[in-house]
C-alpha cells in the first residue's frame, strides 16, 4: 500500500498533462531530457522541472549516460497508484452495494 505522503506526490505529479505524457512516453521507451524537450512547446528548463517533479514522485528514474540524462518510467510506482485507486474503488463499491441493499428492503410501514 502507498502511504499518504507518497500518494500525494504521485497524484500531484500526475495532475499535469505534460507530466502524464512524459510518464507514458518513458514507460514505452527511455528518452533523454533533450529528446523529451523536443516533443513539447516549452523550454528545456521547463521539461527538466517536470522531470524533477516526476522523479521526486518516483514515477521516473534519471540515469546518466555520457553527457545525457536518460529518463525511464517506473512501472512499480504506477502499480502502487493503481492499488490505491483499486482500494478506493472497493470501498465505494461496498458502500453502493450496502445502499442498494437498504433501498431494496421493504418499507416497514
PDB file of N, CA and C in Angstrom:
ATOM      1  N   UNK A   1       0.841  -1.177   0.000  1.00  0.00           N
ATOM      2  CA  UNK A   1       0.000   0.000   0.000  1.00  0.00           C
ATOM      3  C   UNK A   1       0.889   1.243   0.000  1.00  0.00           C
ATOM      4  N   UNK A   2       0.369   2.336  -0.461  1.00  0.00           N
ATOM      5  CA  UNK A   2       1.091   3.588  -0.571  1.00  0.00           C
ATOM      6  C   UNK A   2       0.718   4.475   0.607  1.00  0.00           C
ATOM      7  N   UNK A   3       1.740   5.043   1.301  1.00  0.00           N
ATOM      8  CA  UNK A   3       1.411   5.951   2.401  1.00  0.00           C
ATOM      9  C   UNK A   3       0.887   7.269   1.836  1.00  0.00           C
ATOM     10  N   UNK A   4       0.254   8.067   2.689  1.00  0.00           N
ATOM     11  CA  UNK A   4      -0.408   9.296   2.244  1.00  0.00           C
ATOM     12  C   UNK A   4       0.553  10.277   1.579  1.00  0.00           C
ATOM     13  N   UNK A   5       1.716  10.470   2.152  1.00  0.00           N
ATOM     14  CA  UNK A   5       2.677  11.429   1.586  1.00  0.00           C
ATOM     15  C   UNK A   5       3.113  10.996   0.188  1.00  0.00           C
ATOM     16  N   UNK A   6       3.409   9.727   0.031  1.00  0.00           N
ATOM     17  CA  UNK A   6       3.827   9.221  -1.286  1.00  0.00           C
ATOM     18  C   UNK A   6       2.671   9.323  -2.286  1.00  0.00           C
ATOM     19  N   UNK A   7       1.477   8.992  -1.852  1.00  0.00           N
ATOM     20  CA  UNK A   7       0.305   9.098  -2.732  1.00  0.00           C
ATOM     21  C   UNK A   7       0.105  10.548  -3.170  1.00  0.00           C
ATOM     22  N   UNK A   8       0.285  11.492  -2.251  1.00  0.00           N
ATOM     23  CA  UNK A   8       0.153  12.905  -2.611  1.00  0.00           C
ATOM     24  C   UNK A   8       1.163  13.298  -3.679  1.00  0.00           C
ATOM     25  N   UNK A   9       2.410  12.879  -3.522  1.00  0.00           N
ATOM     26  CA  UNK A   9       3.437  13.198  -4.530  1.00  0.00           C
ATOM     27  C   UNK A   9       3.082  12.598  -5.880  1.00  0.00           C
ATOM     28  N   UNK A  10       2.634  11.356  -5.879  1.00  0.00           N
ATOM     29  CA  UNK A  10       2.302  10.670  -7.132  1.00  0.00           C
ATOM     30  C   UNK A  10       1.152  11.377  -7.837  1.00  0.00           C
ATOM     31  N   UNK A  11       0.064  11.625  -7.129  1.00  0.00           N
ATOM     32  CA  UNK A  11      -1.111  12.191  -7.778  1.00  0.00           C
ATOM     33  C   UNK A  11      -0.937  13.671  -8.122  1.00  0.00           C
ATOM     34  N   UNK A  12      -0.146  14.399  -7.329  1.00  0.00           N
ATOM     35  CA  UNK A  12       0.169  15.782  -7.723  1.00  0.00           C
ATOM     36  C   UNK A  12       0.977  15.787  -9.013  1.00  0.00           C
ATOM     37  N   UNK A  13       1.928  14.881  -9.100  1.00  0.00           N
ATOM     38  CA  UNK A  13       2.754  14.803 -10.321  1.00  0.00           C
ATOM     39  C   UNK A  13       1.900  14.425 -11.519  1.00  0.00           C
ATOM     40  N   UNK A  14       0.986  13.507 -11.336  1.00  0.00           N
ATOM     41  CA  UNK A  14       0.149  13.055 -12.448  1.00  0.00           C
ATOM     42  C   UNK A  14      -0.985  14.017 -12.783  1.00  0.00           C
ATOM     43  N   UNK A  15      -1.167  15.063 -11.979  1.00  0.00           N
ATOM     44  CA  UNK A  15      -2.240  16.027 -12.236  1.00  0.00           C
ATOM     45  C   UNK A  15      -1.959  16.894 -13.459  1.00  0.00           C
ATOM     46  N   UNK A  16      -0.707  16.929 -13.902  1.00  0.00           N
ATOM     47  CA  UNK A  16      -0.328  17.754 -15.041  1.00  0.00           C
ATOM     48  C   UNK A  16      -0.279  16.921 -16.321  1.00  0.00           C
ATOM     49  N   UNK A  17      -0.877  17.452 -17.385  1.00  0.00           N
ATOM     50  CA  UNK A  17      -0.946  16.747 -18.669  1.00  0.00           C
ATOM     51  C   UNK A  17       0.436  16.417 -19.220  1.00  0.00           C
ATOM     52  N   UNK A  18       1.348  17.379 -19.177  1.00  0.00           N
ATOM     53  CA  UNK A  18       2.693  17.154 -19.716  1.00  0.00           C
ATOM     54  C   UNK A  18       3.399  16.056 -18.943  1.00  0.00           C
ATOM     55  N   UNK A  19       3.280  16.075 -17.625  1.00  0.00           N
ATOM     56  CA  UNK A  19       3.951  15.040 -16.824  1.00  0.00           C
ATOM     57  C   UNK A  19       3.347  13.666 -17.081  1.00  0.00           C
ATOM     58  N   UNK A  20       2.018  13.596 -17.231  1.00  0.00           N
ATOM     59  CA  UNK A  20       1.418  12.295 -17.574  1.00  0.00           C
ATOM     60  C   UNK A  20       1.951  11.801 -18.907  1.00  0.00           C
ATOM     61  N   UNK A  21       2.114  12.707 -19.851  1.00  0.00           N
ATOM     62  CA  UNK A  21       2.632  12.324 -21.163  1.00  0.00           C
ATOM     63  C   UNK A  21       4.090  11.862 -21.067  1.00  0.00           C
ATOM     64  N   UNK A  22       4.881  12.538 -20.266  1.00  0.00           N
ATOM     65  CA  UNK A  22       6.282  12.120 -20.073  1.00  0.00           C
ATOM     66  C   UNK A  22       6.327  10.722 -19.474  1.00  0.00           C
ATOM     67  N   UNK A  23       5.479  10.458 -18.483  1.00  0.00           N
ATOM     68  CA  UNK A  23       5.442   9.113 -17.888  1.00  0.00           C
ATOM     69  C   UNK A  23       5.053   8.091 -18.942  1.00  0.00           C
ATOM     70  N   UNK A  24       4.007   8.383 -19.700  1.00  0.00           N
ATOM     71  CA  UNK A  24       3.565   7.456 -20.752  1.00  0.00           C
ATOM     72  C   UNK A  24       4.693   7.177 -21.737  1.00  0.00           C
ATOM     73  N   UNK A  25       5.359   8.218 -22.193  1.00  0.00           N
ATOM     74  CA  UNK A  25       6.452   8.054 -23.161  1.00  0.00           C
ATOM     75  C   UNK A  25       7.603   7.230 -22.585  1.00  0.00           C
ATOM     76  N   UNK A  26       7.969   7.510 -21.340  1.00  0.00           N
ATOM     77  CA  UNK A  26       9.137   6.837 -20.767  1.00  0.00           C
ATOM     78  C   UNK A  26       8.822   5.442 -20.237  1.00  0.00           C
ATOM     79  N   UNK A  27       7.557   5.113 -20.119  1.00  0.00           N
ATOM     80  CA  UNK A  27       7.213   3.717 -19.823  1.00  0.00           C
ATOM     81  C   UNK A  27       7.319   2.876 -21.094  1.00  0.00           C
ATOM     82  N   UNK A  28       7.101   3.521 -22.239  1.00  0.00           N
ATOM     83  CA  UNK A  28       7.175   2.834 -23.528  1.00  0.00           C
ATOM     84  C   UNK A  28       8.624   2.676 -23.973  1.00  0.00           C
ATOM     85  N   UNK A  29       9.392   3.757 -23.851  1.00  0.00           N
ATOM     86  CA  UNK A  29      10.805   3.741 -24.252  1.00  0.00           C
ATOM     87  C   UNK A  29      11.540   4.830 -23.484  1.00  0.00           C
ATOM     88  N   UNK A  30      12.742   4.524 -23.045  1.00  0.00           N
ATOM     89  CA  UNK A  30      13.517   5.539 -22.346  1.00  0.00           C
ATOM     90  C   UNK A  30      13.856   6.670 -23.318  1.00  0.00           C
ATOM     91  N   UNK A  31      14.093   7.862 -22.761  1.00  0.00           N
ATOM     92  CA  UNK A  31      14.394   9.025 -23.593  1.00  0.00           C
ATOM     93  C   UNK A  31      15.283   9.983 -22.807  1.00  0.00           C
ATOM     94  N   UNK A  32      16.097  10.722 -23.528  1.00  0.00           N
ATOM     95  CA  UNK A  32      16.891  11.761 -22.876  1.00  0.00           C
ATOM     96  C   UNK A  32      15.993  12.975 -22.634  1.00  0.00           C
ATOM     97  N   UNK A  33      16.434  13.830 -21.743  1.00  0.00           N
ATOM     98  CA  UNK A  33      15.663  15.049 -21.497  1.00  0.00           C
ATOM     99  C   UNK A  33      15.618  15.883 -22.776  1.00  0.00           C
ATOM    100  N   UNK A  34      16.689  15.894 -23.541  1.00  0.00           N
ATOM    101  CA  UNK A  34      16.697  16.633 -24.815  1.00  0.00           C
ATOM    102  C   UNK A  34      15.644  16.095 -25.770  1.00  0.00           C
ATOM    103  N   UNK A  35      15.530  14.778 -25.857  1.00  0.00           N
ATOM    104  CA  UNK A  35      14.505  14.180 -26.726  1.00  0.00           C
ATOM    105  C   UNK A  35      13.108  14.554 -26.249  1.00  0.00           C
ATOM    106  N   UNK A  36      12.910  14.499 -24.947  1.00  0.00           N
ATOM    107  CA  UNK A  36      11.607  14.868 -24.397  1.00  0.00           C
ATOM    108  C   UNK A  36      11.308  16.335 -24.665  1.00  0.00           C
ATOM    109  N   UNK A  37      12.294  17.208 -24.464  1.00  0.00           N
ATOM    110  CA  UNK A  37      12.090  18.642 -24.658  1.00  0.00           C
ATOM    111  C   UNK A  37      11.679  18.953 -26.095  1.00  0.00           C
ATOM    112  N   UNK A  38      12.161  18.161 -27.039  1.00  0.00           N
ATOM    113  CA  UNK A  38      11.794  18.368 -28.436  1.00  0.00           C
ATOM    114  C   UNK A  38      10.342  18.055 -28.736  1.00  0.00           C
ATOM    115  N   UNK A  39       9.666  17.360 -27.839  1.00  0.00           N
ATOM    116  CA  UNK A  39       8.270  16.966 -28.042  1.00  0.00           C
ATOM    117  C   UNK A  39       7.261  17.999 -27.538  1.00  0.00           C
ATOM    118  N   UNK A  40       7.732  18.995 -26.794  1.00  0.00           N
ATOM    119  CA  UNK A  40       6.815  19.933 -26.157  1.00  0.00           C
ATOM    120  C   UNK A  40       7.140  21.365 -26.546  1.00  0.00           C
ATOM    121  N   UNK A  41       6.128  22.193 -26.549  1.00  0.00           N
ATOM    122  CA  UNK A  41       6.284  23.605 -26.865  1.00  0.00           C
ATOM    123  C   UNK A  41       6.624  24.358 -25.579  1.00  0.00           C
ATOM    124  N   UNK A  42       7.793  24.042 -25.027  1.00  0.00           N
ATOM    125  CA  UNK A  42       8.274  24.699 -23.810  1.00  0.00           C
ATOM    126  C   UNK A  42       9.789  24.587 -23.791  1.00  0.00           C
ATOM    127  N   UNK A  43      10.406  25.297 -22.903  1.00  0.00           N
ATOM    128  CA  UNK A  43      11.866  25.309 -22.834  1.00  0.00           C
ATOM    129  C   UNK A  43      12.406  23.997 -22.269  1.00  0.00           C
ATOM    130  N   UNK A  44      13.678  23.783 -22.541  1.00  0.00           N
ATOM    131  CA  UNK A  44      14.393  22.631 -21.987  1.00  0.00           C
ATOM    132  C   UNK A  44      14.301  22.663 -20.460  1.00  0.00           C
ATOM    133  N   UNK A  45      14.486  23.856 -19.882  1.00  0.00           N
ATOM    134  CA  UNK A  45      14.437  24.006 -18.417  1.00  0.00           C
ATOM    135  C   UNK A  45      13.069  23.625 -17.861  1.00  0.00           C
ATOM    136  N   UNK A  46      12.001  23.983 -18.574  1.00  0.00           N
ATOM    137  CA  UNK A  46      10.657  23.626 -18.118  1.00  0.00           C
ATOM    138  C   UNK A  46      10.471  22.114 -18.116  1.00  0.00           C
ATOM    139  N   UNK A  47      10.970  21.443 -19.150  1.00  0.00           N
ATOM    140  CA  UNK A  47      10.879  19.978 -19.196  1.00  0.00           C
ATOM    141  C   UNK A  47      11.701  19.371 -18.062  1.00  0.00           C
ATOM    142  N   UNK A  48      12.861  19.943 -17.798  1.00  0.00           N
ATOM    143  CA  UNK A  48      13.682  19.460 -16.675  1.00  0.00           C
ATOM    144  C   UNK A  48      12.912  19.563 -15.364  1.00  0.00           C
ATOM    145  N   UNK A  49      12.180  20.648 -15.174  1.00  0.00           N
ATOM    146  CA  UNK A  49      11.394  20.813 -13.942  1.00  0.00           C
ATOM    147  C   UNK A  49      10.288  19.768 -13.857  1.00  0.00           C
ATOM    148  N   UNK A  50       9.632  19.498 -14.968  1.00  0.00           N
ATOM    149  CA  UNK A  50       8.609  18.449 -14.978  1.00  0.00           C
ATOM    150  C   UNK A  50       9.230  17.095 -14.613  1.00  0.00           C
ATOM    151  N   UNK A  51      10.373  16.800 -15.188  1.00  0.00           N
ATOM    152  CA  UNK A  51      11.055  15.539 -14.896  1.00  0.00           C
ATOM    153  C   UNK A  51      11.447  15.476 -13.421  1.00  0.00           C
ATOM    154  N   UNK A  52      11.882  16.595 -12.851  1.00  0.00           N
ATOM    155  CA  UNK A  52      12.261  16.617 -11.431  1.00  0.00           C
ATOM    156  C   UNK A  52      11.062  16.290 -10.541  1.00  0.00           C
ATOM    157  N   UNK A  53       9.887  16.823 -10.889  1.00  0.00           N
ATOM    158  CA  UNK A  53       8.668  16.524 -10.116  1.00  0.00           C
ATOM    159  C   UNK A  53       8.343  15.031 -10.222  1.00  0.00           C
ATOM    160  N   UNK A  54       8.446  14.487 -11.431  1.00  0.00           N
ATOM    161  CA  UNK A  54       8.179  13.054 -11.635  1.00  0.00           C
ATOM    162  C   UNK A  54       9.192  12.196 -10.899  1.00  0.00           C
ATOM    163  N   UNK A  55      10.431  12.645 -10.895  1.00  0.00           N
ATOM    164  CA  UNK A  55      11.483  11.902 -10.196  1.00  0.00           C
ATOM    165  C   UNK A  55      11.243  11.914  -8.688  1.00  0.00           C
ATOM    166  N   UNK A  56      10.826  13.056  -8.137  1.00  0.00           N
ATOM    167  CA  UNK A  56      10.528  13.150  -6.699  1.00  0.00           C
ATOM    168  C   UNK A  56       9.376  12.231  -6.319  1.00  0.00           C
ATOM    169  N   UNK A  57       8.456  12.020  -7.248  1.00  0.00           N
ATOM    170  CA  UNK A  57       7.321  11.120  -7.005  1.00  0.00           C
ATOM    171  C   UNK A  57       7.664   9.668  -7.326  1.00  0.00           C
ATOM    172  N   UNK A  58       8.895   9.432  -7.765  1.00  0.00           N
ATOM    173  CA  UNK A  58       9.386   8.098  -8.133  1.00  0.00           C
ATOM    174  C   UNK A  58       8.632   7.508  -9.324  1.00  0.00           C
ATOM    175  N   UNK A  59       8.064   8.379 -10.160  1.00  0.00           N
ATOM    176  CA  UNK A  59       7.376   7.913 -11.365  1.00  0.00           C
ATOM    177  C   UNK A  59       8.353   7.681 -12.510  1.00  0.00           C
ATOM    178  N   UNK A  60       9.516   8.341 -12.447  1.00  0.00           N
ATOM    179  CA  UNK A  60      10.583   8.128 -13.415  1.00  0.00           C
ATOM    180  C   UNK A  60      11.907   8.077 -12.678  1.00  0.00           C
ATOM    181  N   UNK A  61      12.903   7.509 -13.337  1.00  0.00           N
ATOM    182  CA  UNK A  61      14.265   7.493 -12.814  1.00  0.00           C
ATOM    183  C   UNK A  61      15.172   8.125 -13.863  1.00  0.00           C
ATOM    184  N   UNK A  62      16.145   8.862 -13.396  1.00  0.00           N
ATOM    185  CA  UNK A  62      17.104   9.535 -14.266  1.00  0.00           C
ATOM    186  C   UNK A  62      18.448   8.831 -14.131  1.00  0.00           C
ATOM    187  N   UNK A  63      19.023   8.441 -15.263  1.00  0.00           N
ATOM    188  CA  UNK A  63      20.297   7.742 -15.266  1.00  0.00           C
ATOM    189  C   UNK A  63      21.272   8.483 -16.172  1.00  0.00           C
ATOM    190  N   UNK A  64      22.476   8.792 -15.668  1.00  0.00           N
ATOM    191  CA  UNK A  64      23.442   9.442 -16.553  1.00  0.00           C
ATOM    192  C   UNK A  64      23.970   8.450 -17.595  1.00  0.00           C
ATOM    193  N   UNK A  65      24.063   8.925 -18.820  1.00  0.00           N
ATOM    194  CA  UNK A  65      24.657   8.140 -19.894  1.00  0.00           C
ATOM    195  C   UNK A  65      25.499   9.112 -20.715  1.00  0.00           C
ATOM    196  N   UNK A  66      26.803   9.117 -20.431  1.00  0.00           N
ATOM    197  CA  UNK A  66      27.665  10.109 -21.061  1.00  0.00           C
ATOM    198  C   UNK A  66      27.263  11.492 -20.585  1.00  0.00           C
ATOM    199  N   UNK A  67      27.043  12.409 -21.519  1.00  0.00           N
ATOM    200  CA  UNK A  67      26.641  13.772 -21.171  1.00  0.00           C
ATOM    201  C   UNK A  67      25.125  13.908 -21.029  1.00  0.00           C
ATOM    202  N   UNK A  68      24.390  12.894 -21.401  1.00  0.00           N
ATOM    203  CA  UNK A  68      22.930  12.949 -21.351  1.00  0.00           C
ATOM    204  C   UNK A  68      22.401  12.327 -20.064  1.00  0.00           C
ATOM    205  N   UNK A  69      21.175  12.682 -19.751  1.00  0.00           N
ATOM    206  CA  UNK A  69      20.443  12.068 -18.644  1.00  0.00           C
ATOM    207  C   UNK A  69      19.266  11.339 -19.274  1.00  0.00           C
ATOM    208  N   UNK A  70      19.243  10.042 -19.080  1.00  0.00           N
ATOM    209  CA  UNK A  70      18.205   9.196 -19.669  1.00  0.00           C
ATOM    210  C   UNK A  70      17.086   9.014 -18.647  1.00  0.00           C
ATOM    211  N   UNK A  71      15.860   9.198 -19.114  1.00  0.00           N
ATOM    212  CA  UNK A  71      14.682   9.103 -18.251  1.00  0.00           C
ATOM    213  C   UNK A  71      13.953   7.808 -18.591  1.00  0.00           C
ATOM    214  N   UNK A  72      13.628   7.056 -17.562  1.00  0.00           N
ATOM    215  CA  UNK A  72      12.908   5.791 -17.718  1.00  0.00           C
ATOM    216  C   UNK A  72      11.739   5.785 -16.740  1.00  0.00           C
ATOM    217  N   UNK A  73      10.558   5.433 -17.234  1.00  0.00           N
ATOM    218  CA  UNK A  73       9.385   5.339 -16.375  1.00  0.00           C
ATOM    219  C   UNK A  73       9.516   4.213 -15.367  1.00  0.00           C
ATOM    220  N   UNK A  74       8.860   4.370 -14.234  1.00  0.00           N
ATOM    221  CA  UNK A  74       8.916   3.377 -13.165  1.00  0.00           C
ATOM    222  C   UNK A  74       7.544   2.700 -13.029  1.00  0.00           C
ATOM    223  N   UNK A  75       7.377   1.533 -13.647  1.00  0.00           N
ATOM    224  CA  UNK A  75       6.063   0.870 -13.591  1.00  0.00           C
ATOM    225  C   UNK A  75       5.668   0.450 -12.180  1.00  0.00           C
ATOM    226  N   UNK A  76       6.620   0.265 -11.300  1.00  0.00           N
ATOM    227  CA  UNK A  76       6.309  -0.137  -9.925  1.00  0.00           C
ATOM    228  C   UNK A  76       5.493   0.941  -9.212  1.00  0.00           C
ATOM    229  N   UNK A  77       5.853   2.198  -9.416  1.00  0.00           N
ATOM    230  CA  UNK A  77       5.105   3.294  -8.790  1.00  0.00           C
ATOM    231  C   UNK A  77       3.706   3.389  -9.383  1.00  0.00           C
ATOM    232  N   UNK A  78       3.588   3.168 -10.680  1.00  0.00           N
ATOM    233  CA  UNK A  78       2.267   3.155 -11.318  1.00  0.00           C
ATOM    234  C   UNK A  78       1.418   2.038 -10.708  1.00  0.00           C
ATOM    235  N   UNK A  79       2.031   0.894 -10.453  1.00  0.00           N
ATOM    236  CA  UNK A  79       1.309  -0.222  -9.835  1.00  0.00           C
ATOM    237  C   UNK A  79       0.805   0.168  -8.442  1.00  0.00           C
ATOM    238  N   UNK A  80       1.641   0.862  -7.670  1.00  0.00           N
ATOM    239  CA  UNK A  80       1.219   1.308  -6.334  1.00  0.00           C
ATOM    240  C   UNK A  80       0.029   2.262  -6.424  1.00  0.00           C
ATOM    241  N   UNK A  81       0.071   3.182  -7.375  1.00  0.00           N
ATOM    242  CA  UNK A  81      -1.038   4.126  -7.550  1.00  0.00           C
ATOM    243  C   UNK A  81      -2.310   3.378  -7.947  1.00  0.00           C
ATOM    244  N   UNK A  82      -2.153   2.386  -8.821  1.00  0.00           N
ATOM    245  CA  UNK A  82      -3.315   1.592  -9.246  1.00  0.00           C
ATOM    246  C   UNK A  82      -3.902   0.836  -8.062  1.00  0.00           C
ATOM    247  N   UNK A  83      -3.056   0.305  -7.191  1.00  0.00           N
ATOM    248  CA  UNK A  83      -3.534  -0.403  -5.998  1.00  0.00           C
ATOM    249  C   UNK A  83      -4.322   0.536  -5.081  1.00  0.00           C
ATOM    250  N   UNK A  84      -3.826   1.750  -4.923  1.00  0.00           N
ATOM    251  CA  UNK A  84      -4.519   2.714  -4.079  1.00  0.00           C
ATOM    252  C   UNK A  84      -5.880   3.044  -4.669  1.00  0.00           C
ATOM    253  N   UNK A  85      -5.933   3.303  -5.969  1.00  0.00           N
ATOM    254  CA  UNK A  85      -7.214   3.585  -6.618  1.00  0.00           C
ATOM    255  C   UNK A  85      -8.141   2.373  -6.541  1.00  0.00           C
ATOM    256  N   UNK A  86      -7.577   1.173  -6.637  1.00  0.00           N
ATOM    257  CA  UNK A  86      -8.375  -0.050  -6.506  1.00  0.00           C
ATOM    258  C   UNK A  86      -8.993  -0.169  -5.123  1.00  0.00           C
ATOM    259  N   UNK A  87      -8.240   0.220  -4.104  1.00  0.00           N
ATOM    260  CA  UNK A  87      -8.775   0.176  -2.736  1.00  0.00           C
ATOM    261  C   UNK A  87      -9.938   1.155  -2.584  1.00  0.00           C
ATOM    262  N   UNK A  88      -9.811   2.341  -3.157  1.00  0.00           N
ATOM    263  CA  UNK A  88     -10.920   3.299  -3.124  1.00  0.00           C
ATOM    264  C   UNK A  88     -12.127   2.763  -3.880  1.00  0.00           C
ATOM    265  N   UNK A  89     -11.885   2.127  -5.006  1.00  0.00           N
ATOM    266  CA  UNK A  89     -12.992   1.568  -5.783  1.00  0.00           C
ATOM    267  C   UNK A  89     -13.730   0.507  -4.972  1.00  0.00           C
ATOM    268  N   UNK A  90     -12.985  -0.381  -4.305  1.00  0.00           N
ATOM    269  CA  UNK A  90     -13.620  -1.415  -3.483  1.00  0.00           C
ATOM    270  C   UNK A  90     -14.444  -0.793  -2.362  1.00  0.00           C
ATOM    271  N   UNK A  91     -13.898   0.239  -1.738  1.00  0.00           N
ATOM    272  CA  UNK A  91     -14.602   0.926  -0.660  1.00  0.00           C
ATOM    273  C   UNK A  91     -15.934   1.492  -1.163  1.00  0.00           C
ATOM    274  N   UNK A  92     -15.909   2.183  -2.288  1.00  0.00           N
ATOM    275  CA  UNK A  92     -17.129   2.790  -2.809  1.00  0.00           C
ATOM    276  C   UNK A  92     -18.095   1.751  -3.358  1.00  0.00           C
ATOM    277  N   UNK A  93     -17.597   0.703  -3.963  1.00  0.00           N
ATOM    278  CA  UNK A  93     -18.499  -0.356  -4.439  1.00  0.00           C
ATOM    279  C   UNK A  93     -19.226  -1.004  -3.260  1.00  0.00           C
ATOM    280  N   UNK A  94     -18.499  -1.222  -2.151  1.00  0.00           N
ATOM    281  CA  UNK A  94     -19.123  -1.806  -0.961  1.00  0.00           C
ATOM    282  C   UNK A  94     -20.198  -0.866  -0.407  1.00  0.00           C
ATOM    283  N   UNK A  95     -19.911   0.424  -0.409  1.00  0.00           N
ATOM    284  CA  UNK A  95     -20.906   1.388   0.085  1.00  0.00           C
ATOM    285  C   UNK A  95     -22.138   1.416  -0.814  1.00  0.00           C
ATOM    286  N   UNK A  96     -21.933   1.379  -2.101  1.00  0.00           N
ATOM    287  CA  UNK A  96     -23.053   1.386  -3.047  1.00  0.00           C
ATOM    288  C   UNK A  96     -23.866   0.101  -2.899  1.00  0.00           C
ATOM    289  N   UNK A  97     -23.178  -1.029  -2.715  1.00  0.00           N
ATOM    290  CA  UNK A  97     -23.888  -2.302  -2.513  1.00  0.00           C
ATOM    291  C   UNK A  97     -24.749  -2.247  -1.256  1.00  0.00           C
ATOM    292  N   UNK A  98     -24.214  -1.658  -0.180  1.00  0.00           N
ATOM    293  CA  UNK A  98     -24.999  -1.537   1.060  1.00  0.00           C
ATOM    294  C   UNK A  98     -26.200  -0.615   0.854  1.00  0.00           C
ATOM    295  N   UNK A  99     -26.001   0.464   0.121  1.00  0.00           N
ATOM    296  CA  UNK A  99     -27.101   1.372  -0.171  1.00  0.00           C
ATOM    297  C   UNK A  99     -28.159   0.673  -1.024  1.00  0.00           C
ATOM    298  N   UNK A 100     -27.735  -0.071  -2.039  1.00  0.00           N
ATOM    299  CA  UNK A 100     -28.680  -0.833  -2.868  1.00  0.00           C
ATOM    300  C   UNK A 100     -29.486  -1.807  -2.013  1.00  0.00           C
ATOM    301  N   UNK A 101     -28.796  -2.523  -1.102  1.00  0.00           N
ATOM    302  CA  UNK A 101     -29.472  -3.473  -0.238  1.00  0.00           C
ATOM    303  C   UNK A 101     -30.475  -2.752   0.665  1.00  0.00           C
ATOM    304  N   UNK A 102     -30.099  -1.610   1.198  1.00  0.00           N
ATOM    305  CA  UNK A 102     -31.003  -0.846   2.054  1.00  0.00           C
ATOM    306  C   UNK A 102     -32.229  -0.397   1.293  1.00  0.00           C
ATOM    307  N   UNK A 103     -32.011   0.110   0.089  1.00  0.00           N
ATOM    308  CA  UNK A 103     -33.149   0.587  -0.727  1.00  0.00           C
ATOM    309  C   UNK A 103     -34.052  -0.541  -1.204  1.00  0.00           C
ATOM    310  N   UNK A 104     -33.526  -1.747  -1.290  1.00  0.00           N
ATOM    311  CA  UNK A 104     -34.317  -2.894  -1.737  1.00  0.00           C
ATOM    312  C   UNK A 104     -35.171  -3.490  -0.620  1.00  0.00           C
ATOM    313  N   UNK A 105     -34.875  -3.096   0.631  1.00  0.00           N
ATOM    314  CA  UNK A 105     -35.653  -3.623   1.764  1.00  0.00           C
ATOM    315  C   UNK A 105     -37.086  -3.089   1.674  1.00  0.00           C
ATOM    316  N   UNK A 106     -38.049  -3.949   2.031  1.00  0.00           N
ATOM    317  CA  UNK A 106     -39.440  -3.479   2.018  1.00  0.00           C
ATOM    318  C   UNK A 106     -39.655  -2.404   3.079  1.00  0.00           C
ATOM    319  N   UNK A 107     -40.585  -1.509   2.804  1.00  0.00           N
ATOM    320  CA  UNK A 107     -40.929  -0.445   3.734  1.00  0.00           C
ATOM    321  C   UNK A 107     -41.660  -1.068   4.913  1.00  0.00           C
ATOM    322  N   UNK A 108     -41.174  -0.854   6.160  1.00  0.00           N
ATOM    323  CA  UNK A 108     -41.800  -1.482   7.315  1.00  0.00           C
ATOM    324  C   UNK A 108     -43.197  -0.916   7.618  1.00  0.00           C
ATOM    325  N   UNK A 109     -43.601   0.131   7.028  1.00  0.00           N
ATOM    326  CA  UNK A 109     -44.920   0.729   7.311  1.00  0.00           C
ATOM    327  C   UNK A 109     -45.950   0.208   6.397  1.00  0.00           C
TER     328      UNK A 109
END
